[in-house]
């Protein structure tokens, strides 16, 4: 979270989900799409980390804090032909989740 990082130097952690709707007349490489989507987060999610690598992942996320709106904007840059992009961050310290959506035609 950029807000808490700005105030106290560290951000609270959030886990986010990103959804993309895109129509294309061309064949899409789903692995390539997924890899581009992962680049939109503060840090790249990774499985099976040892403690030193977990620490590196935390530092990576802290160096690049993002709001859900930032995740959606970054996804739109990578997929300008998207029909809909939405992100939800599951809050770790708030009683609510954060949600952002972009839909073709609504914000152009």
Protein backbone atom coordinates (compact mmCIF):
# COMPACT_ATOMS: atom_id res chain seq x y z
CA UNK A 1 0.00 0.00 0.00
CA UNK A 2 1.57 3.31 -1.05
CA UNK A 3 -0.23 5.29 1.69
CA UNK A 4 1.23 3.50 4.70
CA UNK A 5 4.63 3.35 2.99
CA UNK A 6 4.54 7.12 2.55
CA UNK A 7 3.66 7.69 6.21
CA UNK A 8 5.80 5.11 8.04
CA UNK A 9 8.24 3.81 5.42
CA UNK A 10 6.64 0.37 4.95
CA UNK A 11 3.42 -0.61 3.26
CA UNK A 12 0.95 -3.16 4.54
CA UNK A 13 0.71 -6.21 2.34
CA UNK A 14 -2.27 -6.97 0.11
CA UNK A 15 -2.99 -9.90 -2.14
CA UNK A 16 -4.61 -8.91 -5.41
CA UNK A 17 -6.50 -10.63 -8.20
CA UNK A 18 -6.46 -9.25 -11.73
CA UNK A 19 -9.06 -10.15 -14.39
CA UNK A 20 -8.86 -9.33 -18.08
CA UNK A 21 -11.48 -9.63 -20.81
CA UNK A 22 -10.12 -9.32 -24.31
CA UNK A 23 -11.48 -10.30 -27.73
CA UNK A 24 -9.14 -10.89 -30.60
CA UNK A 25 -9.39 -12.17 -34.14
CA UNK A 26 -5.81 -13.44 -33.73
CA UNK A 27 -4.69 -16.47 -31.75
CA UNK A 28 -3.65 -15.47 -28.24
CA UNK A 29 -0.81 -17.14 -26.41
CA UNK A 30 -2.34 -17.52 -22.96
CA UNK A 31 1.04 -18.04 -21.31
CA UNK A 32 2.24 -14.74 -22.79
CA UNK A 33 -0.97 -13.00 -21.64
CA UNK A 34 -0.56 -14.41 -18.12
CA UNK A 35 3.09 -13.35 -17.92
CA UNK A 36 2.21 -9.81 -19.01
CA UNK A 37 -0.57 -9.66 -16.42
CA UNK A 38 1.79 -10.77 -13.63
CA UNK A 39 4.06 -7.83 -14.50
CA UNK A 40 1.27 -5.45 -13.42
CA UNK A 41 1.60 -6.32 -9.72
CA UNK A 42 3.98 -4.79 -7.18
CA UNK A 43 5.97 -8.04 -7.16
CA UNK A 44 5.86 -11.20 -9.22
CA UNK A 45 4.15 -14.02 -7.30
CA UNK A 46 6.38 -17.06 -6.89
CA UNK A 47 5.90 -20.56 -5.48
CA UNK A 48 8.17 -22.52 -3.17
CA UNK A 49 10.41 -19.82 -1.75
CA UNK A 50 13.01 -20.27 0.93
CA UNK A 51 13.18 -17.62 3.64
CA UNK A 52 15.92 -15.48 2.03
CA UNK A 53 13.95 -15.43 -1.23
CA UNK A 54 10.77 -14.53 0.67
CA UNK A 55 12.63 -11.55 2.12
CA UNK A 56 13.71 -10.50 -1.38
CA UNK A 57 10.09 -10.77 -2.58
CA UNK A 58 8.89 -8.55 0.29
CA UNK A 59 11.56 -5.96 -0.54
CA UNK A 60 10.55 -6.12 -4.22
CA UNK A 61 6.92 -5.41 -3.31
CA UNK A 62 7.86 -2.62 -0.89
CA UNK A 63 9.97 -0.92 -3.57
CA UNK A 64 7.01 -0.84 -5.98
CA UNK A 65 3.76 -0.31 -3.99
CA UNK A 66 0.56 -0.06 -6.04
CA UNK A 67 -3.10 0.71 -5.51
CA UNK A 68 -5.63 -1.45 -7.39
CA UNK A 69 -6.13 1.50 -9.74
CA UNK A 70 -2.41 1.36 -10.58
CA UNK A 71 -2.66 -2.35 -11.35
CA UNK A 72 -5.59 -1.73 -13.72
CA UNK A 73 -3.78 1.18 -15.43
CA UNK A 74 -0.63 -0.91 -15.89
CA UNK A 75 -2.70 -3.75 -17.35
CA UNK A 76 -4.40 -1.37 -19.77
CA UNK A 77 -0.97 -0.20 -20.99
CA UNK A 78 -0.07 -3.81 -21.78
CA UNK A 79 -3.49 -4.63 -23.28
CA UNK A 80 -4.84 -1.46 -24.96
CA UNK A 81 -7.44 -3.53 -26.84
CA UNK A 82 -8.95 -4.96 -23.65
CA UNK A 83 -12.70 -4.92 -23.19
CA UNK A 84 -12.65 -5.00 -19.39
CA UNK A 85 -9.99 -5.03 -16.67
CA UNK A 86 -10.69 -5.38 -12.98
CA UNK A 87 -8.56 -5.83 -9.89
CA UNK A 88 -9.42 -6.59 -6.29
CA UNK A 89 -6.99 -6.27 -3.40
CA UNK A 90 -7.81 -8.32 -0.35
CA UNK A 91 -7.02 -5.89 2.44
CA UNK A 92 -4.88 -7.01 5.35
CA UNK A 93 -5.75 -4.21 7.80
CA UNK A 94 -9.07 -2.79 6.57
CA UNK A 95 -12.52 -4.33 6.93
CA UNK A 96 -13.13 -3.82 3.20
CA UNK A 97 -11.39 -4.86 0.01
CA UNK A 98 -10.21 -2.39 -2.63
CA UNK A 99 -11.66 -2.74 -6.14
CA UNK A 100 -11.01 -1.01 -9.46
CA UNK A 101 -12.46 -1.58 -12.91
CA UNK A 102 -11.94 -0.23 -16.41
CA UNK A 103 -14.45 -1.01 -19.14
CA UNK A 104 -14.12 -0.14 -22.83
CA UNK A 105 -16.43 2.71 -23.76
CA UNK A 106 -16.95 3.94 -20.20
CA UNK A 107 -13.72 5.87 -19.78
CA UNK A 108 -12.49 6.63 -23.29
